Amino acid sequence: MKNREFENNHSMLNEESEWAVKELRDGLEKLDEWHPVTTPNLQWFQQQVASEKKRIQKMQWKALFSFIFVAVLVLSVVIAVVYHQPILFLYFQLAGIILLPFVLNRTRKKVSNE
């Protein structure tokens, strides 16, 4: 008796599955008719890739020059302070050591809240 119920349920599921698959295929075919798929031109893709490469390369050069400029500026200030006012350099070092735990704690809180 359980075997017959299982077969009936199984055949009903197969009919429902076949109906669902048929409905899905019909719907997808209608979508294809309404919005035909066209492949863009290969030349357009190549042009987009080339322009994106140029843009990224330009940004990288800009970032590199900015980094070099800031590094030279910081080193110049540090060298000037060390040679002219060594005590001022020591004060900056002490302030940095004192403020470092507060800065690290603040950045950790920001990351943990995200």
PDB file of N, CA and C in Angstrom:
ATOM      1  N   MET A   1       0.826  -1.193   0.000  1.00  0.00           N
ATOM      2  CA  MET A   1       0.000   0.000   0.000  1.00  0.00           C
ATOM      3  C   MET A   1       0.872   1.260   0.000  1.00  0.00           C
ATOM      4  N   LYS A   2       1.922   1.238   0.821  1.00  0.00           N
ATOM      5  CA  LYS A   2       2.821   2.390   0.849  1.00  0.00           C
ATOM      6  C   LYS A   2       3.521   2.545  -0.492  1.00  0.00           C
ATOM      7  N   ASN A   3       3.786   1.438  -1.128  1.00  0.00           N
ATOM      8  CA  ASN A   3       4.461   1.451  -2.412  1.00  0.00           C
ATOM      9  C   ASN A   3       3.596   2.129  -3.473  1.00  0.00           C
ATOM     10  N   ARG A   4       2.287   1.866  -3.471  1.00  0.00           N
ATOM     11  CA  ARG A   4       1.366   2.496  -4.436  1.00  0.00           C
ATOM     12  C   ARG A   4       1.281   4.008  -4.193  1.00  0.00           C
ATOM     13  N   GLU A   5       1.217   4.397  -2.906  1.00  0.00           N
ATOM     14  CA  GLU A   5       1.160   5.839  -2.597  1.00  0.00           C
ATOM     15  C   GLU A   5       2.428   6.538  -3.072  1.00  0.00           C
ATOM     16  N   PHE A   6       3.545   5.872  -2.868  1.00  0.00           N
ATOM     17  CA  PHE A   6       4.819   6.444  -3.302  1.00  0.00           C
ATOM     18  C   PHE A   6       4.837   6.606  -4.815  1.00  0.00           C
ATOM     19  N   GLU A   7       4.373   5.587  -5.541  1.00  0.00           N
ATOM     20  CA  GLU A   7       4.341   5.660  -7.005  1.00  0.00           C
ATOM     21  C   GLU A   7       3.395   6.755  -7.475  1.00  0.00           C
ATOM     22  N   ASN A   8       2.230   6.906  -6.831  1.00  0.00           N
ATOM     23  CA  ASN A   8       1.289   7.967  -7.204  1.00  0.00           C
ATOM     24  C   ASN A   8       1.904   9.348  -6.963  1.00  0.00           C
ATOM     25  N   ASN A   9       2.500   9.516  -5.788  1.00  0.00           N
ATOM     26  CA  ASN A   9       3.143  10.803  -5.482  1.00  0.00           C
ATOM     27  C   ASN A   9       4.287  11.076  -6.438  1.00  0.00           C
ATOM     28  N   HIS A  10       5.051  10.032  -6.739  1.00  0.00           N
ATOM     29  CA  HIS A  10       6.186  10.178  -7.640  1.00  0.00           C
ATOM     30  C   HIS A  10       5.726  10.557  -9.049  1.00  0.00           C
ATOM     31  N   SER A  11       4.669   9.933  -9.532  1.00  0.00           N
ATOM     32  CA  SER A  11       4.173  10.257 -10.875  1.00  0.00           C
ATOM     33  C   SER A  11       3.589  11.667 -10.907  1.00  0.00           C
ATOM     34  N   MET A  12       2.942  12.091  -9.805  1.00  0.00           N
ATOM     35  CA  MET A  12       2.406  13.461  -9.757  1.00  0.00           C
ATOM     36  C   MET A  12       3.542  14.479  -9.766  1.00  0.00           C
ATOM     37  N   LEU A  13       4.612  14.161  -9.032  1.00  0.00           N
ATOM     38  CA  LEU A  13       5.770  15.067  -9.032  1.00  0.00           C
ATOM     39  C   LEU A  13       6.400  15.135 -10.411  1.00  0.00           C
ATOM     40  N   ASN A  14       6.486  14.021 -11.098  1.00  0.00           N
ATOM     41  CA  ASN A  14       7.047  14.027 -12.449  1.00  0.00           C
ATOM     42  C   ASN A  14       6.201  14.878 -13.390  1.00  0.00           C
ATOM     43  N   GLU A  15       4.879  14.755 -13.299  1.00  0.00           N
ATOM     44  CA  GLU A  15       3.996  15.560 -14.149  1.00  0.00           C
ATOM     45  C   GLU A  15       4.144  17.046 -13.819  1.00  0.00           C
ATOM     46  N   GLU A  16       4.213  17.376 -12.528  1.00  0.00           N
ATOM     47  CA  GLU A  16       4.385  18.773 -12.129  1.00  0.00           C
ATOM     48  C   GLU A  16       5.742  19.301 -12.583  1.00  0.00           C
ATOM     49  N   SER A  17       6.757  18.477 -12.457  1.00  0.00           N
ATOM     50  CA  SER A  17       8.098  18.891 -12.882  1.00  0.00           C
ATOM     51  C   SER A  17       8.127  19.134 -14.385  1.00  0.00           C
ATOM     52  N   GLU A  18       7.529  18.240 -15.150  1.00  0.00           N
ATOM     53  CA  GLU A  18       7.494  18.411 -16.602  1.00  0.00           C
ATOM     54  C   GLU A  18       6.723  19.665 -16.977  1.00  0.00           C
ATOM     55  N   TRP A  19       5.613  19.909 -16.293  1.00  0.00           N
ATOM     56  CA  TRP A  19       4.827  21.117 -16.563  1.00  0.00           C
ATOM     57  C   TRP A  19       5.642  22.365 -16.237  1.00  0.00           C
ATOM     58  N   ALA A  20       6.361  22.350 -15.084  1.00  0.00           N
ATOM     59  CA  ALA A  20       7.175  23.506 -14.684  1.00  0.00           C
ATOM     60  C   ALA A  20       8.298  23.746 -15.679  1.00  0.00           C
ATOM     61  N   VAL A  21       8.929  22.681 -16.135  1.00  0.00           N
ATOM     62  CA  VAL A  21      10.014  22.827 -17.115  1.00  0.00           C
ATOM     63  C   VAL A  21       9.474  23.406 -18.415  1.00  0.00           C
ATOM     64  N   LYS A  22       8.308  22.922 -18.858  1.00  0.00           N
ATOM     65  CA  LYS A  22       7.701  23.422 -20.092  1.00  0.00           C
ATOM     66  C   LYS A  22       7.374  24.912 -19.960  1.00  0.00           C
ATOM     67  N   GLU A  23       6.801  25.297 -18.814  1.00  0.00           N
ATOM     68  CA  GLU A  23       6.464  26.705 -18.587  1.00  0.00           C
ATOM     69  C   GLU A  23       7.721  27.578 -18.579  1.00  0.00           C
ATOM     70  N   LEU A  24       8.762  27.093 -17.935  1.00  0.00           N
ATOM     71  CA  LEU A  24      10.018  27.858 -17.900  1.00  0.00           C
ATOM     72  C   LEU A  24      10.600  28.026 -19.296  1.00  0.00           C
ATOM     73  N   ARG A  25      10.608  26.960 -20.076  1.00  0.00           N
ATOM     74  CA  ARG A  25      11.143  27.062 -21.442  1.00  0.00           C
ATOM     75  C   ARG A  25      10.319  28.022 -22.281  1.00  0.00           C
ATOM     76  N   ASP A  26       9.003  27.959 -22.164  1.00  0.00           N
ATOM     77  CA  ASP A  26       8.151  28.888 -22.914  1.00  0.00           C
ATOM     78  C   ASP A  26       8.435  30.331 -22.509  1.00  0.00           C
ATOM     79  N   GLY A  27       8.559  30.558 -21.210  1.00  0.00           N
ATOM     80  CA  GLY A  27       8.845  31.910 -20.734  1.00  0.00           C
ATOM     81  C   GLY A  27      10.184  32.422 -21.217  1.00  0.00           C
ATOM     82  N   LEU A  28      11.196  31.568 -21.181  1.00  0.00           N
ATOM     83  CA  LEU A  28      12.515  31.977 -21.661  1.00  0.00           C
ATOM     84  C   LEU A  28      12.518  32.245 -23.158  1.00  0.00           C
ATOM     85  N   GLU A  29      11.776  31.459 -23.914  1.00  0.00           N
ATOM     86  CA  GLU A  29      11.684  31.707 -25.354  1.00  0.00           C
ATOM     87  C   GLU A  29      11.006  33.042 -25.638  1.00  0.00           C
ATOM     88  N   LYS A  30       9.961  33.378 -24.850  1.00  0.00           N
ATOM     89  CA  LYS A  30       9.301  34.676 -25.015  1.00  0.00           C
ATOM     90  C   LYS A  30      10.266  35.812 -24.700  1.00  0.00           C
ATOM     91  N   LEU A  31      11.070  35.646 -23.637  1.00  0.00           N
ATOM     92  CA  LEU A  31      12.056  36.675 -23.309  1.00  0.00           C
ATOM     93  C   LEU A  31      13.063  36.856 -24.442  1.00  0.00           C
ATOM     94  N   ASP A  32      13.501  35.752 -25.031  1.00  0.00           N
ATOM     95  CA  ASP A  32      14.434  35.844 -26.155  1.00  0.00           C
ATOM     96  C   ASP A  32      13.804  36.566 -27.340  1.00  0.00           C
ATOM     97  N   GLU A  33      12.521  36.371 -27.553  1.00  0.00           N
ATOM     98  CA  GLU A  33      11.839  37.049 -28.660  1.00  0.00           C
ATOM     99  C   GLU A  33      11.719  38.546 -28.378  1.00  0.00           C
ATOM    100  N   TRP A  34      11.420  38.906 -27.138  1.00  0.00           N
ATOM    101  CA  TRP A  34      11.243  40.322 -26.790  1.00  0.00           C
ATOM    102  C   TRP A  34      12.569  41.077 -26.764  1.00  0.00           C
ATOM    103  N   HIS A  35      13.597  40.436 -26.268  1.00  0.00           N
ATOM    104  CA  HIS A  35      14.910  41.078 -26.137  1.00  0.00           C
ATOM    105  C   HIS A  35      15.962  40.205 -26.822  1.00  0.00           C
ATOM    106  N   PRO A  36      16.147  40.370 -28.114  1.00  0.00           N
ATOM    107  CA  PRO A  36      17.123  39.532 -28.806  1.00  0.00           C
ATOM    108  C   PRO A  36      18.543  39.832 -28.319  1.00  0.00           C
ATOM    109  N   VAL A  37      19.356  38.792 -28.243  1.00  0.00           N
ATOM    110  CA  VAL A  37      20.730  38.919 -27.773  1.00  0.00           C
ATOM    111  C   VAL A  37      21.627  39.210 -28.964  1.00  0.00           C
ATOM    112  N   THR A  38      22.363  40.306 -28.865  1.00  0.00           N
ATOM    113  CA  THR A  38      23.306  40.655 -29.921  1.00  0.00           C
ATOM    114  C   THR A  38      24.690  40.782 -29.302  1.00  0.00           C
ATOM    115  N   THR A  39      25.680  40.313 -30.000  1.00  0.00           N
ATOM    116  CA  THR A  39      27.054  40.392 -29.529  1.00  0.00           C
ATOM    117  C   THR A  39      27.661  41.693 -30.031  1.00  0.00           C
ATOM    118  N   PRO A  40      28.237  42.497 -29.120  1.00  0.00           N
ATOM    119  CA  PRO A  40      28.867  43.742 -29.563  1.00  0.00           C
ATOM    120  C   PRO A  40      30.063  43.471 -30.471  1.00  0.00           C
ATOM    121  N   ASN A  41      30.449  44.480 -31.178  1.00  0.00           N
ATOM    122  CA  ASN A  41      31.548  44.393 -32.126  1.00  0.00           C
ATOM    123  C   ASN A  41      32.865  44.159 -31.380  1.00  0.00           C
ATOM    124  N   LEU A  42      33.735  43.301 -31.917  1.00  0.00           N
ATOM    125  CA  LEU A  42      35.024  42.989 -31.303  1.00  0.00           C
ATOM    126  C   LEU A  42      35.904  44.232 -31.239  1.00  0.00           C
ATOM    127  N   GLN A  43      35.831  45.073 -32.245  1.00  0.00           N
ATOM    128  CA  GLN A  43      36.627  46.297 -32.266  1.00  0.00           C
ATOM    129  C   GLN A  43      36.224  47.216 -31.114  1.00  0.00           C
ATOM    130  N   TRP A  44      34.943  47.272 -30.791  1.00  0.00           N
ATOM    131  CA  TRP A  44      34.466  48.095 -29.685  1.00  0.00           C
ATOM    132  C   TRP A  44      35.056  47.593 -28.364  1.00  0.00           C
ATOM    133  N   PHE A  45      35.059  46.259 -28.183  1.00  0.00           N
ATOM    134  CA  PHE A  45      35.642  45.681 -26.970  1.00  0.00           C
ATOM    135  C   PHE A  45      37.122  46.031 -26.859  1.00  0.00           C
ATOM    136  N   GLN A  46      37.841  45.875 -27.953  1.00  0.00           N
ATOM    137  CA  GLN A  46      39.264  46.168 -27.938  1.00  0.00           C
ATOM    138  C   GLN A  46      39.524  47.638 -27.635  1.00  0.00           C
ATOM    139  N   GLN A  47      38.693  48.512 -28.161  1.00  0.00           N
ATOM    140  CA  GLN A  47      38.833  49.939 -27.896  1.00  0.00           C
ATOM    141  C   GLN A  47      38.573  50.240 -26.421  1.00  0.00           C
ATOM    142  N   GLN A  48      37.559  49.606 -25.850  1.00  0.00           N
ATOM    143  CA  GLN A  48      37.256  49.808 -24.428  1.00  0.00           C
ATOM    144  C   GLN A  48      38.401  49.313 -23.546  1.00  0.00           C
ATOM    145  N   VAL A  49      38.956  48.165 -23.879  1.00  0.00           N
ATOM    146  CA  VAL A  49      40.072  47.609 -23.103  1.00  0.00           C
ATOM    147  C   VAL A  49      41.283  48.530 -23.195  1.00  0.00           C
ATOM    148  N   ALA A  50      41.587  49.016 -24.381  1.00  0.00           N
ATOM    149  CA  ALA A  50      42.739  49.900 -24.564  1.00  0.00           C
ATOM    150  C   ALA A  50      42.567  51.202 -23.783  1.00  0.00           C
ATOM    151  N   SER A  51      41.377  51.783 -23.834  1.00  0.00           N
ATOM    152  CA  SER A  51      41.162  53.039 -23.109  1.00  0.00           C
ATOM    153  C   SER A  51      41.221  52.811 -21.596  1.00  0.00           C
ATOM    154  N   GLU A  52      40.724  51.680 -21.131  1.00  0.00           N
ATOM    155  CA  GLU A  52      40.784  51.380 -19.696  1.00  0.00           C
ATOM    156  C   GLU A  52      42.218  51.156 -19.244  1.00  0.00           C
ATOM    157  N   LYS A  53      43.026  50.491 -20.087  1.00  0.00           N
ATOM    158  CA  LYS A  53      44.441  50.298 -19.750  1.00  0.00           C
ATOM    159  C   LYS A  53      45.159  51.639 -19.650  1.00  0.00           C
ATOM    160  N   LYS A  54      44.874  52.543 -20.594  1.00  0.00           N
ATOM    161  CA  LYS A  54      45.496  53.868 -20.555  1.00  0.00           C
ATOM    162  C   LYS A  54      45.092  54.622 -19.291  1.00  0.00           C
ATOM    163  N   ARG A  55      43.815  54.527 -18.922  1.00  0.00           N
ATOM    164  CA  ARG A  55      43.330  55.222 -17.740  1.00  0.00           C
ATOM    165  C   ARG A  55      43.995  54.673 -16.473  1.00  0.00           C
ATOM    166  N   ILE A  56      44.118  53.365 -16.383  1.00  0.00           N
ATOM    167  CA  ILE A  56      44.738  52.748 -15.204  1.00  0.00           C
ATOM    168  C   ILE A  56      46.216  53.097 -15.142  1.00  0.00           C
ATOM    169  N   GLN A  57      46.888  53.076 -16.287  1.00  0.00           N
ATOM    170  CA  GLN A  57      48.306  53.407 -16.323  1.00  0.00           C
ATOM    171  C   GLN A  57      48.526  54.860 -15.895  1.00  0.00           C
ATOM    172  N   LYS A  58      47.650  55.754 -16.354  1.00  0.00           N
ATOM    173  CA  LYS A  58      47.745  57.157 -15.984  1.00  0.00           C
ATOM    174  C   LYS A  58      47.564  57.331 -14.472  1.00  0.00           C
ATOM    175  N   MET A  59      46.593  56.615 -13.902  1.00  0.00           N
ATOM    176  CA  MET A  59      46.362  56.694 -12.456  1.00  0.00           C
ATOM    177  C   MET A  59      47.564  56.156 -11.680  1.00  0.00           C
ATOM    178  N   GLN A  60      48.188  55.078 -12.173  1.00  0.00           N
ATOM    179  CA  GLN A  60      49.341  54.507 -11.484  1.00  0.00           C
ATOM    180  C   GLN A  60      50.526  55.464 -11.501  1.00  0.00           C
ATOM    181  N   TRP A  61      50.760  56.105 -12.646  1.00  0.00           N
ATOM    182  CA  TRP A  61      51.848  57.079 -12.706  1.00  0.00           C
ATOM    183  C   TRP A  61      51.579  58.253 -11.767  1.00  0.00           C
ATOM    184  N   LYS A  62      50.354  58.705 -11.736  1.00  0.00           N
ATOM    185  CA  LYS A  62      49.993  59.816 -10.853  1.00  0.00           C
ATOM    186  C   LYS A  62      50.216  59.427  -9.388  1.00  0.00           C
ATOM    187  N   ALA A  63      49.807  58.218  -9.008  1.00  0.00           N
ATOM    188  CA  ALA A  63      50.005  57.754  -7.636  1.00  0.00           C
ATOM    189  C   ALA A  63      51.496  57.627  -7.314  1.00  0.00           C
ATOM    190  N   LEU A  64      52.280  57.140  -8.265  1.00  0.00           N
ATOM    191  CA  LEU A  64      53.724  56.999  -8.045  1.00  0.00           C
ATOM    192  C   LEU A  64      54.388  58.355  -7.832  1.00  0.00           C
ATOM    193  N   PHE A  65      54.057  59.331  -8.676  1.00  0.00           N
ATOM    194  CA  PHE A  65      54.646  60.654  -8.522  1.00  0.00           C
ATOM    195  C   PHE A  65      54.198  61.318  -7.220  1.00  0.00           C
ATOM    196  N   SER A  66      52.954  61.107  -6.838  1.00  0.00           N
ATOM    197  CA  SER A  66      52.474  61.651  -5.560  1.00  0.00           C
ATOM    198  C   SER A  66      53.231  61.032  -4.396  1.00  0.00           C
ATOM    199  N   PHE A  67      53.427  59.734  -4.448  1.00  0.00           N
ATOM    200  CA  PHE A  67      54.161  59.051  -3.381  1.00  0.00           C
ATOM    201  C   PHE A  67      55.597  59.574  -3.280  1.00  0.00           C
ATOM    202  N   ILE A  68      56.267  59.693  -4.434  1.00  0.00           N
ATOM    203  CA  ILE A  68      57.649  60.185  -4.428  1.00  0.00           C
ATOM    204  C   ILE A  68      57.716  61.602  -3.892  1.00  0.00           C
ATOM    205  N   PHE A  69      56.779  62.451  -4.293  1.00  0.00           N
ATOM    206  CA  PHE A  69      56.761  63.837  -3.823  1.00  0.00           C
ATOM    207  C   PHE A  69      56.584  63.901  -2.306  1.00  0.00           C
ATOM    208  N   VAL A  70      55.633  63.156  -1.778  1.00  0.00           N
ATOM    209  CA  VAL A  70      55.391  63.170  -0.335  1.00  0.00           C
ATOM    210  C   VAL A  70      56.585  62.589   0.413  1.00  0.00           C
ATOM    211  N   ALA A  71      57.181  61.527  -0.115  1.00  0.00           N
ATOM    212  CA  ALA A  71      58.342  60.922   0.543  1.00  0.00           C
ATOM    213  C   ALA A  71      59.510  61.894   0.599  1.00  0.00           C
ATOM    214  N   VAL A  72      59.796  62.578  -0.495  1.00  0.00           N
ATOM    215  CA  VAL A  72      60.882  63.559  -0.517  1.00  0.00           C
ATOM    216  C   VAL A  72      60.575  64.705   0.445  1.00  0.00           C
ATOM    217  N   LEU A  73      59.346  65.148   0.467  1.00  0.00           N
ATOM    218  CA  LEU A  73      58.960  66.228   1.374  1.00  0.00           C
ATOM    219  C   LEU A  73      59.145  65.821   2.837  1.00  0.00           C
ATOM    220  N   VAL A  74      58.674  64.656   3.190  1.00  0.00           N
ATOM    221  CA  VAL A  74      58.795  64.192   4.576  1.00  0.00           C
ATOM    222  C   VAL A  74      60.263  64.015   4.956  1.00  0.00           C
ATOM    223  N   LEU A  75      61.029  63.399   4.082  1.00  0.00           N
ATOM    224  CA  LEU A  75      62.450  63.222   4.383  1.00  0.00           C
ATOM    225  C   LEU A  75      63.176  64.555   4.508  1.00  0.00           C
ATOM    226  N   SER A  76      62.831  65.507   3.678  1.00  0.00           N
ATOM    227  CA  SER A  76      63.454  66.836   3.767  1.00  0.00           C
ATOM    228  C   SER A  76      63.141  67.498   5.094  1.00  0.00           C
ATOM    229  N   VAL A  77      61.894  67.410   5.516  1.00  0.00           N
ATOM    230  CA  VAL A  77      61.504  68.010   6.798  1.00  0.00           C
ATOM    231  C   VAL A  77      62.218  67.313   7.946  1.00  0.00           C
ATOM    232  N   VAL A  78      62.280  65.995   7.915  1.00  0.00           N
ATOM    233  CA  VAL A  78      62.945  65.257   8.991  1.00  0.00           C
ATOM    234  C   VAL A  78      64.427  65.598   9.051  1.00  0.00           C
ATOM    235  N   ILE A  79      65.087  65.649   7.900  1.00  0.00           N
ATOM    236  CA  ILE A  79      66.516  65.980   7.879  1.00  0.00           C
ATOM    237  C   ILE A  79      66.746  67.404   8.377  1.00  0.00           C
ATOM    238  N   ALA A  80      65.896  68.336   7.947  1.00  0.00           N
ATOM    239  CA  ALA A  80      66.040  69.722   8.389  1.00  0.00           C
ATOM    240  C   ALA A  80      65.839  69.833   9.891  1.00  0.00           C
ATOM    241  N   VAL A  81      64.868  69.146  10.422  1.00  0.00           N
ATOM    242  CA  VAL A  81      64.604  69.210  11.856  1.00  0.00           C
ATOM    243  C   VAL A  81      65.741  68.564  12.644  1.00  0.00           C
ATOM    244  N   VAL A  82      66.247  67.435  12.170  1.00  0.00           N
ATOM    245  CA  VAL A  82      67.310  66.731  12.895  1.00  0.00           C
ATOM    246  C   VAL A  82      68.582  67.574  12.931  1.00  0.00           C
ATOM    247  N   TYR A  83      68.937  68.230  11.831  1.00  0.00           N
ATOM    248  CA  TYR A  83      70.182  68.998  11.805  1.00  0.00           C
ATOM    249  C   TYR A  83      70.069  70.366  12.468  1.00  0.00           C
ATOM    250  N   HIS A  84      68.897  70.994  12.419  1.00  0.00           N
ATOM    251  CA  HIS A  84      68.772  72.331  12.974  1.00  0.00           C
ATOM    252  C   HIS A  84      68.255  72.323  14.408  1.00  0.00           C
ATOM    253  N   GLN A  85      67.311  71.502  14.709  1.00  0.00           N
ATOM    254  CA  GLN A  85      66.702  71.446  16.045  1.00  0.00           C
ATOM    255  C   GLN A  85      66.539  69.988  16.461  1.00  0.00           C
ATOM    256  N   PRO A  86      67.612  69.331  16.900  1.00  0.00           N
ATOM    257  CA  PRO A  86      67.490  67.916  17.257  1.00  0.00           C
ATOM    258  C   PRO A  86      66.498  67.670  18.402  1.00  0.00           C
ATOM    259  N   ILE A  87      66.371  68.618  19.308  1.00  0.00           N
ATOM    260  CA  ILE A  87      65.440  68.430  20.419  1.00  0.00           C
ATOM    261  C   ILE A  87      63.996  68.405  19.925  1.00  0.00           C
ATOM    262  N   LEU A  88      63.709  69.198  18.878  1.00  0.00           N
ATOM    263  CA  LEU A  88      62.377  69.203  18.278  1.00  0.00           C
ATOM    264  C   LEU A  88      62.070  67.846  17.658  1.00  0.00           C
ATOM    265  N   PHE A  89      63.060  67.215  17.030  1.00  0.00           N
ATOM    266  CA  PHE A  89      62.884  65.884  16.466  1.00  0.00           C
ATOM    267  C   PHE A  89      62.564  64.880  17.572  1.00  0.00           C
ATOM    268  N   LEU A  90      63.243  64.977  18.680  1.00  0.00           N
ATOM    269  CA  LEU A  90      62.975  64.071  19.798  1.00  0.00           C
ATOM    270  C   LEU A  90      61.572  64.284  20.351  1.00  0.00           C
ATOM    271  N   TYR A  91      61.110  65.528  20.395  1.00  0.00           N
ATOM    272  CA  TYR A  91      59.744  65.801  20.857  1.00  0.00           C
ATOM    273  C   TYR A  91      58.712  65.163  19.913  1.00  0.00           C
ATOM    274  N   PHE A  92      58.955  65.274  18.599  1.00  0.00           N
ATOM    275  CA  PHE A  92      58.051  64.646  17.626  1.00  0.00           C
ATOM    276  C   PHE A  92      58.023  63.123  17.808  1.00  0.00           C
ATOM    277  N   GLN A  93      59.198  62.546  18.047  1.00  0.00           N
ATOM    278  CA  GLN A  93      59.263  61.101  18.269  1.00  0.00           C
ATOM    279  C   GLN A  93      58.485  60.709  19.523  1.00  0.00           C
ATOM    280  N   LEU A  94      58.649  61.455  20.577  1.00  0.00           N
ATOM    281  CA  LEU A  94      57.947  61.171  21.830  1.00  0.00           C
ATOM    282  C   LEU A  94      56.436  61.314  21.657  1.00  0.00           C
ATOM    283  N   ALA A  95      55.997  62.360  20.967  1.00  0.00           N
ATOM    284  CA  ALA A  95      54.563  62.565  20.725  1.00  0.00           C
ATOM    285  C   ALA A  95      54.008  61.424  19.873  1.00  0.00           C
ATOM    286  N   GLY A  96      54.765  60.967  18.900  1.00  0.00           N
ATOM    287  CA  GLY A  96      54.326  59.853  18.063  1.00  0.00           C
ATOM    288  C   GLY A  96      54.179  58.573  18.855  1.00  0.00           C
ATOM    289  N   ILE A  97      55.124  58.324  19.743  1.00  0.00           N
ATOM    290  CA  ILE A  97      55.056  57.111  20.564  1.00  0.00           C
ATOM    291  C   ILE A  97      53.869  57.168  21.514  1.00  0.00           C
ATOM    292  N   ILE A  98      53.592  58.344  22.064  1.00  0.00           N
ATOM    293  CA  ILE A  98      52.462  58.491  22.989  1.00  0.00           C
ATOM    294  C   ILE A  98      51.131  58.371  22.254  1.00  0.00           C
ATOM    295  N   LEU A  99      51.019  58.951  21.059  1.00  0.00           N
ATOM    296  CA  LEU A  99      49.753  58.949  20.320  1.00  0.00           C
ATOM    297  C   LEU A  99      49.498  57.652  19.549  1.00  0.00           C
ATOM    298  N   LEU A 100      50.503  56.831  19.336  1.00  0.00           N
ATOM    299  CA  LEU A 100      50.350  55.619  18.557  1.00  0.00           C
ATOM    300  C   LEU A 100      49.267  54.677  19.091  1.00  0.00           C
ATOM    301  N   PRO A 101      49.192  54.383  20.386  1.00  0.00           N
ATOM    302  CA  PRO A 101      48.119  53.489  20.861  1.00  0.00           C
ATOM    303  C   PRO A 101      46.717  54.040  20.601  1.00  0.00           C
ATOM    304  N   PHE A 102      46.547  55.354  20.714  1.00  0.00           N
ATOM    305  CA  PHE A 102      45.230  55.947  20.466  1.00  0.00           C
ATOM    306  C   PHE A 102      44.836  55.819  18.992  1.00  0.00           C
ATOM    307  N   VAL A 103      45.777  56.042  18.113  1.00  0.00           N
ATOM    308  CA  VAL A 103      45.500  55.940  16.680  1.00  0.00           C
ATOM    309  C   VAL A 103      45.181  54.493  16.306  1.00  0.00           C
ATOM    310  N   LEU A 104      45.958  53.548  16.813  1.00  0.00           N
ATOM    311  CA  LEU A 104      45.697  52.135  16.505  1.00  0.00           C
ATOM    312  C   LEU A 104      44.358  51.687  17.060  1.00  0.00           C
ATOM    313  N   ASN A 105      44.021  52.138  18.259  1.00  0.00           N
ATOM    314  CA  ASN A 105      42.734  51.775  18.862  1.00  0.00           C
ATOM    315  C   ASN A 105      41.580  52.356  18.057  1.00  0.00           C
ATOM    316  N   ARG A 106      41.720  53.556  17.576  1.00  0.00           N
ATOM    317  CA  ARG A 106      40.661  54.202  16.785  1.00  0.00           C
ATOM    318  C   ARG A 106      40.446  53.472  15.459  1.00  0.00           C
ATOM    319  N   THR A 107      41.541  53.070  14.797  1.00  0.00           N
ATOM    320  CA  THR A 107      41.384  52.373  13.520  1.00  0.00           C
ATOM    321  C   THR A 107      40.785  50.991  13.738  1.00  0.00           C
ATOM    322  N   ARG A 108      41.119  50.325  14.814  1.00  0.00           N
ATOM    323  CA  ARG A 108      40.535  49.007  15.070  1.00  0.00           C
ATOM    324  C   ARG A 108      39.041  49.118  15.303  1.00  0.00           C
ATOM    325  N   LYS A 109      38.593  50.142  15.995  1.00  0.00           N
ATOM    326  CA  LYS A 109      37.152  50.318  16.222  1.00  0.00           C
ATOM    327  C   LYS A 109      36.429  50.554  14.920  1.00  0.00           C
ATOM    328  N   LYS A 110      37.000  51.320  14.015  1.00  0.00           N
ATOM    329  CA  LYS A 110      36.350  51.578  12.735  1.00  0.00           C
ATOM    330  C   LYS A 110      36.194  50.299  11.938  1.00  0.00           C
ATOM    331  N   VAL A 111      37.189  49.472  11.942  1.00  0.00           N
ATOM    332  CA  VAL A 111      37.119  48.237  11.166  1.00  0.00           C
ATOM    333  C   VAL A 111      36.104  47.286  11.781  1.00  0.00           C
ATOM    334  N   SER A 112      36.048  47.214  13.103  1.00  0.00           N
ATOM    335  CA  SER A 112      35.148  46.276  13.748  1.00  0.00           C
ATOM    336  C   SER A 112      33.675  46.693  13.593  1.00  0.00           C
ATOM    337  N   ASN A 113      33.391  47.978  13.406  1.00  0.00           N
ATOM    338  CA  ASN A 113      32.009  48.437  13.255  1.00  0.00           C
ATOM    339  C   ASN A 113      31.467  48.180  11.862  1.00  0.00           C
ATOM    340  N   GLU A 114      32.303  47.903  10.906  1.00  0.00           N
ATOM    341  CA  GLU A 114      31.836  47.717   9.523  1.00  0.00           C
ATOM    342  C   GLU A 114      31.167  46.444   9.346  1.00  0.00           C
TER     343      GLU A 114
END
